[in-house]
C-alpha cells in the first residue's frame, strides 16, 4: 500500500524534501500498522534530514519521529495492542505520512482524556525532560533550576516539570514573547539572553550559592556561561545543541565546583531501559490526562506544509510544540 508523506530521498537540505508517496509494508513481528493523525516536529528531525544526527534511517523515508494515530493492524507476536487502539509513538520515521509502521515497544495506548494533537506533542519533549530532571538530575523540591531555550519543545516541558517537582525555575530564552510563555507555565524568574549577559544575570539572581541544576538543550556559548553559575555539587544536564556549536568546557570548572556534567539522551535510554521508559511515559500520560501537565501547541501545519514546519523549528521560531495534521 502506498501512502502520501514528506519524503527524504537524500540527506543534506530541507529543500530536497518532497511530498510524495512511499510503499508501506505489512507489519512484521512486534510491529503495528498505524493510520497517522498528527506528526510532531522535533529538532532531531531536522538533523536527520541534514545527515547530522546520531542515527540515519535508510533512504528513502517519511520524515517525522513522533506521531499519534490509530492502529489498523498488528504484526505477529503483538498482544498488547489491537486494531482501533489510539496510540502515541516515537517511531523515528513516518510521522509526516498518512500511514506508517511503528514498533509496538515504542508506542503507548492513550486514555480518552488525551486528544490526538496532545498525544503527538508529549512523548519526545516530556519524555526527554522527565528522564533528564527525574532520572539523571534527581531534582528536589526547592532547588534552583535554570532552563536554557526555555520556550522550545523540551525547554518548556522542563519548565513545567520543574514546577511540578517543586523547583524554583529560572527560564532563559531569546525574546520577550518566549519568556512570557515560560512565565505562564510557572517560571519564577526570566532572563532574555539576547539582551542580557547570561552569566551576569544568573549571578545577580542566584548570588554565591548558584544554581542546583542547569537544563541545556542549546549549547554554544551559553553552556559555559550557565555552568559557571552552578553551585557546589550542581548538575549540568546536556540535552542537545540547537545553537549549532558543541561547546568545549574547561575541566577545571567541574573540579572546583564538584559539579557534574550529566548526559541525558532519551532515545538511547528508551532502547537500553524500555521498561523504565515505559513507566515514565505512562506517568506523563496520567499527568496530561489529569491536566497536571498541558503541552503547548504553538502552531499546526498541514501535511502539504510540513517542510515549512521543519523550517520553523530549524530557525528557532517555535513556541512549545509544532505539529503537522496528517489524518
Protein backbone atom coordinates (compact mmCIF):
# COMPACT_ATOMS: atom_id res chain seq x y z
CA UNK A 1 0.00 0.00 0.00
CA UNK A 2 1.29 3.47 -0.87
CA UNK A 3 0.88 6.45 1.47
CA UNK A 4 1.41 10.16 0.92
CA UNK A 5 4.04 11.83 3.06
CA UNK A 6 7.01 14.17 3.32
CA UNK A 7 9.78 12.04 1.82
CA UNK A 8 13.53 12.34 2.32
CA UNK A 9 15.31 10.68 -0.62
CA UNK A 10 18.76 12.14 0.07
CA UNK A 11 20.32 13.85 3.08
CA UNK A 12 21.60 17.40 3.06
CA UNK A 13 18.87 20.03 2.90
CA UNK A 14 15.25 20.68 3.84
CA UNK A 15 14.81 21.96 0.29
CA UNK A 16 15.31 18.44 -1.07
CA UNK A 17 12.25 17.09 0.75
CA UNK A 18 9.20 16.31 -1.38
CA UNK A 19 5.54 15.47 -0.82
CA UNK A 20 5.32 12.10 -2.49
CA UNK A 21 4.18 8.52 -1.94
CA UNK A 22 6.05 5.67 -0.28
CA UNK A 23 5.24 1.97 -0.18
CA UNK A 24 4.13 0.90 3.32
CA UNK A 25 4.82 -2.77 4.11
CA UNK A 26 2.72 -5.12 6.22
CA UNK A 27 3.66 -5.06 9.93
CA UNK A 28 6.33 -7.62 10.86
CA UNK A 29 6.87 -9.29 14.21
CA UNK A 30 6.48 -6.80 17.06
CA UNK A 31 5.16 -4.03 14.79
CA UNK A 32 1.97 -2.03 14.36
CA UNK A 33 0.43 -0.58 11.22
CA UNK A 34 -0.85 2.91 12.03
CA UNK A 35 -3.09 5.46 10.37
CA UNK A 36 -1.40 8.72 11.38
CA UNK A 37 -3.44 11.64 12.70
CA UNK A 38 -0.74 14.08 13.82
CA UNK A 39 3.03 14.22 13.49
CA UNK A 40 5.16 16.31 15.81
CA UNK A 41 8.26 18.27 14.77
CA UNK A 42 11.41 17.82 16.84
CA UNK A 43 14.90 19.21 16.28
CA UNK A 44 16.34 15.72 15.57
CA UNK A 45 14.02 15.54 12.53
CA UNK A 46 15.93 18.47 11.06
CA UNK A 47 19.29 16.95 11.96
CA UNK A 48 18.36 13.61 10.35
CA UNK A 49 17.39 15.34 7.08
CA UNK A 50 20.73 17.16 7.10
CA UNK A 51 22.65 13.97 7.89
CA UNK A 52 23.84 15.35 11.23
CA UNK A 53 22.02 13.07 13.67
CA UNK A 54 23.45 10.05 15.50
CA UNK A 55 21.02 7.74 13.68
CA UNK A 56 20.45 7.69 9.93
CA UNK A 57 17.35 5.90 8.63
CA UNK A 58 17.67 4.03 5.32
CA UNK A 59 16.62 6.14 2.34
CA UNK A 60 14.00 6.95 1.23
CA UNK A 61 11.94 7.53 4.36
CA UNK A 62 8.98 9.61 5.50
CA UNK A 63 10.14 12.34 7.92
CA UNK A 64 8.70 12.64 11.42
CA UNK A 65 9.92 10.80 14.51
CA UNK A 66 6.85 11.35 16.71
CA UNK A 67 3.17 10.76 15.98
CA UNK A 68 -0.31 9.95 17.16
CA UNK A 69 -2.71 7.72 15.31
CA UNK A 70 -4.92 4.63 15.23
CA UNK A 71 -3.72 1.05 14.96
CA UNK A 72 -5.04 -0.61 11.79
CA UNK A 73 -3.22 -3.95 12.02
CA UNK A 74 -0.88 -5.73 14.43
CA UNK A 75 2.08 -7.89 13.48
CA UNK A 76 2.91 -11.37 14.78
CA UNK A 77 3.70 -11.57 18.47
CA UNK A 78 1.87 -8.36 19.41
CA UNK A 79 -0.61 -8.91 22.25
CA UNK A 80 -0.81 -5.50 23.97
CA UNK A 81 -2.43 -3.65 21.04
CA UNK A 82 -5.39 -4.26 18.75
CA UNK A 83 -6.86 -2.57 15.67
CA UNK A 84 -8.71 0.56 16.72
CA UNK A 85 -6.39 1.44 19.59
CA UNK A 86 -5.37 5.11 19.75
CA UNK A 87 -1.63 5.44 20.30
CA UNK A 88 1.28 7.82 20.57
CA UNK A 89 4.64 6.64 19.30
CA UNK A 90 8.27 7.65 18.97
CA UNK A 91 8.80 5.90 15.66
CA UNK A 92 11.95 7.65 14.30
CA UNK A 93 10.28 7.96 10.87
CA UNK A 94 6.79 8.11 9.35
CA UNK A 95 5.21 10.84 11.45
CA UNK A 96 4.52 13.01 8.40
CA UNK A 97 2.90 10.20 6.40
CA UNK A 98 -0.72 9.12 6.10
CA UNK A 99 0.23 5.59 7.17
CA UNK A 100 3.31 4.09 8.75
CA UNK A 101 4.76 1.14 10.66
CA UNK A 102 5.94 1.51 14.28
CA UNK A 103 7.50 -0.85 16.79
CA UNK A 104 4.97 -1.82 19.44
CA UNK A 105 7.53 -1.25 22.22
CA UNK A 106 7.80 2.38 21.08
CA UNK A 107 4.05 3.01 21.36
CA UNK A 108 1.68 3.64 24.25
CA UNK A 109 -2.10 3.39 24.38
CA UNK A 110 -3.87 6.67 25.01
CA UNK A 111 -6.58 7.37 27.58
CA UNK A 112 -9.69 9.04 26.19
CA UNK A 113 -8.85 12.24 28.07
CA UNK A 114 -5.83 12.89 25.80
CA UNK A 115 -6.72 14.24 22.35
CA UNK A 116 -4.88 13.32 19.16
CA UNK A 117 -2.99 16.63 18.97
CA UNK A 118 -1.84 16.48 22.60
CA UNK A 119 -0.88 12.85 22.08
CA UNK A 120 1.59 13.78 19.35
CA UNK A 121 3.09 16.54 21.45
CA UNK A 122 4.41 14.92 24.60
CA UNK A 123 6.43 11.72 24.22
CA UNK A 124 9.71 13.19 22.96
CA UNK A 125 9.73 16.52 24.77
CA UNK A 126 8.24 15.48 28.10
CA UNK A 127 9.93 12.08 27.91
CA UNK A 128 13.31 13.79 27.45
CA UNK A 129 12.73 16.32 30.20
CA UNK A 130 11.31 13.80 32.67
CA UNK A 131 14.27 11.48 32.12
CA UNK A 132 16.75 14.35 32.47
CA UNK A 133 15.26 16.01 35.55
CA UNK A 134 13.98 12.99 37.46
CA UNK A 135 16.25 10.10 36.45
CA UNK A 136 19.52 11.89 35.75
CA UNK A 137 19.46 15.02 37.94
CA UNK A 138 17.18 13.69 40.71
CA UNK A 139 15.85 17.22 41.13
CA UNK A 140 14.45 18.07 44.58
CA UNK A 141 11.79 20.50 45.83
CA UNK A 142 13.21 23.95 46.48
CA UNK A 143 16.22 23.56 44.18
CA UNK A 144 17.02 26.26 41.63
CA UNK A 145 16.61 25.01 38.05
CA UNK A 146 17.97 27.07 35.14
CA UNK A 147 16.39 26.17 31.78
CA UNK A 148 18.06 27.34 28.57
CA UNK A 149 15.97 27.51 25.40
CA UNK A 150 13.04 27.51 27.79
CA UNK A 151 10.24 28.21 25.29
CA UNK A 152 11.07 25.40 22.85
CA UNK A 153 9.60 21.92 23.00
CA UNK A 154 11.93 20.27 25.51
CA UNK A 155 12.64 23.56 27.30
CA UNK A 156 9.01 24.36 28.07
CA UNK A 157 8.45 20.75 29.17
CA UNK A 158 11.41 21.16 31.55
CA UNK A 159 9.91 24.38 32.94
CA UNK A 160 6.57 22.69 33.54
CA UNK A 161 8.04 19.50 35.04
CA UNK A 162 10.42 21.54 37.20
CA UNK A 163 7.50 23.48 38.63
CA UNK A 164 5.57 20.24 39.20
CA UNK A 165 8.60 18.86 41.08
CA UNK A 166 8.66 21.92 43.35
CA UNK A 167 11.80 23.51 41.89
CA UNK A 168 12.35 27.26 41.55
CA UNK A 169 12.60 27.70 37.79
CA UNK A 170 14.66 30.38 36.03
CA UNK A 171 13.66 30.44 32.35
CA UNK A 172 16.18 31.71 29.78
CA UNK A 173 15.12 32.49 26.21
CA UNK A 174 15.77 34.93 23.38
CA UNK A 175 12.58 37.03 23.16
CA UNK A 176 10.04 38.63 25.47
CA UNK A 177 7.26 36.62 23.78
CA UNK A 178 9.04 33.36 24.61
CA UNK A 179 9.64 34.44 28.20
CA UNK A 180 6.00 35.41 28.66
CA UNK A 181 5.03 31.85 27.72
CA UNK A 182 7.54 30.47 30.25
CA UNK A 183 6.08 32.71 32.96
CA UNK A 184 2.61 31.44 32.14
CA UNK A 185 3.94 27.90 32.67
CA UNK A 186 5.24 28.73 36.14
CA UNK A 187 8.79 30.09 35.77
CA UNK A 188 9.62 32.36 38.73
CA UNK A 189 12.49 34.30 37.12
CA UNK A 190 13.12 35.24 33.47
CA UNK A 191 16.31 36.05 31.57
CA UNK A 192 16.44 37.32 27.97
CA UNK A 193 19.91 36.19 26.93
CA UNK A 194 19.75 38.15 23.69
CA UNK A 195 19.60 41.37 25.71
CA UNK A 196 21.45 40.42 28.92
CA UNK A 197 24.74 38.70 29.66
CA UNK A 198 23.60 35.25 30.81
CA UNK A 199 26.34 34.67 33.38
CA UNK A 200 25.95 38.12 34.95
CA UNK A 201 22.14 37.83 35.04
CA UNK A 202 22.30 34.43 36.74
CA UNK A 203 24.85 35.70 39.26
CA UNK A 204 22.56 38.62 40.06
CA UNK A 205 19.62 36.26 40.70
CA UNK A 206 21.44 33.43 42.46
CA UNK A 207 24.36 35.10 44.24
CA UNK A 208 27.21 32.93 45.51
CA UNK A 209 25.00 29.89 46.11
CA UNK A 210 24.45 29.34 42.39
CA UNK A 211 22.06 27.02 40.60
CA UNK A 212 21.45 23.40 41.54
CA UNK A 213 20.56 22.18 38.03
CA UNK A 214 21.06 23.58 34.54
CA UNK A 215 18.92 22.11 31.74
CA UNK A 216 20.80 22.77 28.48
CA UNK A 217 19.38 21.87 25.06
CA UNK A 218 21.11 24.86 23.43
CA UNK A 219 24.90 24.53 23.66
CA UNK A 220 27.12 27.16 22.05
CA UNK A 221 28.42 29.97 24.23
CA UNK A 222 25.51 29.68 26.65
CA UNK A 223 26.72 26.36 28.09
CA UNK A 224 29.88 27.65 29.74
CA UNK A 225 28.14 30.83 30.92
CA UNK A 226 25.47 28.73 32.65
CA UNK A 227 27.94 26.17 34.02
CA UNK A 228 29.91 28.97 35.69
CA UNK A 229 26.80 29.83 37.69
CA UNK A 230 26.28 26.30 39.03
CA UNK A 231 26.61 25.98 42.79
CA UNK A 232 28.71 23.43 44.65
CA UNK A 233 27.63 19.93 43.69
CA UNK A 234 25.41 21.22 40.88
CA UNK A 235 24.34 19.19 37.85
CA UNK A 236 24.53 20.45 34.25
CA UNK A 237 22.22 18.42 32.01
CA UNK A 238 23.46 18.09 28.42
CA UNK A 239 20.37 17.68 26.22
CA UNK A 240 21.37 18.95 22.77
CA UNK A 241 22.90 21.72 20.70
CA UNK A 242 20.24 23.79 18.94
CA UNK A 243 22.69 26.72 18.76
CA UNK A 244 24.69 24.57 16.36
CA UNK A 245 28.03 24.58 18.16
CA UNK A 246 29.12 21.83 20.56
CA UNK A 247 30.85 23.72 23.41
CA UNK A 248 34.24 22.88 24.89
CA UNK A 249 34.17 23.28 28.66
CA UNK A 250 37.30 23.97 30.76
CA UNK A 251 37.53 20.91 33.02
CA UNK A 252 38.76 22.93 35.97
CA UNK A 253 35.19 24.23 36.36
CA UNK A 254 33.56 20.92 37.36
CA UNK A 255 36.61 20.18 39.52
CA UNK A 256 36.39 23.41 41.52
CA UNK A 257 32.62 23.16 41.97
CA UNK A 258 32.47 19.38 42.49
CA UNK A 259 29.82 19.73 39.78
CA UNK A 260 28.62 17.11 37.30
CA UNK A 261 28.16 17.16 33.55
CA UNK A 262 25.25 14.76 33.02
CA UNK A 263 24.23 13.49 29.61
CA UNK A 264 20.53 12.84 29.03
CA UNK A 265 19.99 11.09 25.68
CA UNK A 266 16.37 9.99 25.87
CA UNK A 267 16.36 7.86 22.70
CA UNK A 268 19.26 5.76 23.94
CA UNK A 269 17.65 5.47 27.39
CA UNK A 270 14.47 4.10 25.78
CA UNK A 271 16.49 1.44 23.94
CA UNK A 272 18.58 0.40 26.96
CA UNK A 273 15.83 0.56 29.61
CA UNK A 274 12.48 0.10 27.82
CA UNK A 275 10.56 -0.94 30.94
CA UNK A 276 11.64 2.12 32.92
CA UNK A 277 11.00 4.37 29.91
CA UNK A 278 7.50 2.92 29.59
CA UNK A 279 6.81 3.67 33.26
CA UNK A 280 7.96 7.25 32.73
CA UNK A 281 5.70 7.67 29.70
CA UNK A 282 2.68 6.20 31.47
CA UNK A 283 3.22 8.63 34.35
CA UNK A 284 3.39 11.54 31.91
CA UNK A 285 0.22 10.37 30.16
CA UNK A 286 -1.58 10.24 33.53
CA UNK A 287 -0.45 13.78 34.38
CA UNK A 288 -1.61 15.07 30.98
CA UNK A 289 -4.94 13.26 31.23
CA UNK A 290 -5.50 14.78 34.69
CA UNK A 291 -4.45 18.27 33.45
CA UNK A 292 -1.39 18.49 35.71
CA UNK A 293 0.61 18.99 32.51
CA UNK A 294 -0.58 20.72 29.35
CA UNK A 295 1.57 20.57 26.21
CA UNK A 296 1.65 23.95 24.48
CA UNK A 297 0.93 23.58 20.77
CA UNK A 298 2.33 26.70 19.16
CA UNK A 299 1.31 26.06 15.55
CA UNK A 300 -0.26 23.35 13.39
CA UNK A 301 0.69 22.87 9.74
CA UNK A 302 -0.98 20.69 7.11
CA UNK A 303 0.88 17.74 5.60
CA UNK A 304 1.44 19.77 2.43
CA UNK A 305 3.09 22.46 4.62
CA UNK A 306 5.23 20.03 6.58
CA UNK A 307 8.54 21.20 5.11
CA UNK A 308 7.73 24.69 6.41
CA UNK A 309 7.01 23.17 9.82
CA UNK A 310 10.57 21.83 9.88
CA UNK A 311 11.88 25.27 8.94
CA UNK A 312 10.09 26.79 11.94
CA UNK A 313 11.98 24.51 14.28
CA UNK A 314 15.26 24.87 12.39
CA UNK A 315 15.00 28.68 12.59
CA UNK A 316 14.02 28.54 16.30
CA UNK A 317 10.63 30.18 15.76
CA UNK A 318 8.78 27.53 17.73
CA UNK A 319 6.88 28.24 20.93
CA UNK A 320 6.25 24.86 22.53
CA UNK A 321 5.40 22.15 20.01
CA UNK A 322 4.90 22.41 16.24
CA UNK A 323 2.51 19.81 14.79
CA UNK A 324 1.64 18.51 11.34
CA UNK A 325 -2.02 17.49 10.92
CA UNK A 326 -1.98 14.38 8.75
CA UNK A 327 -5.25 12.47 9.13
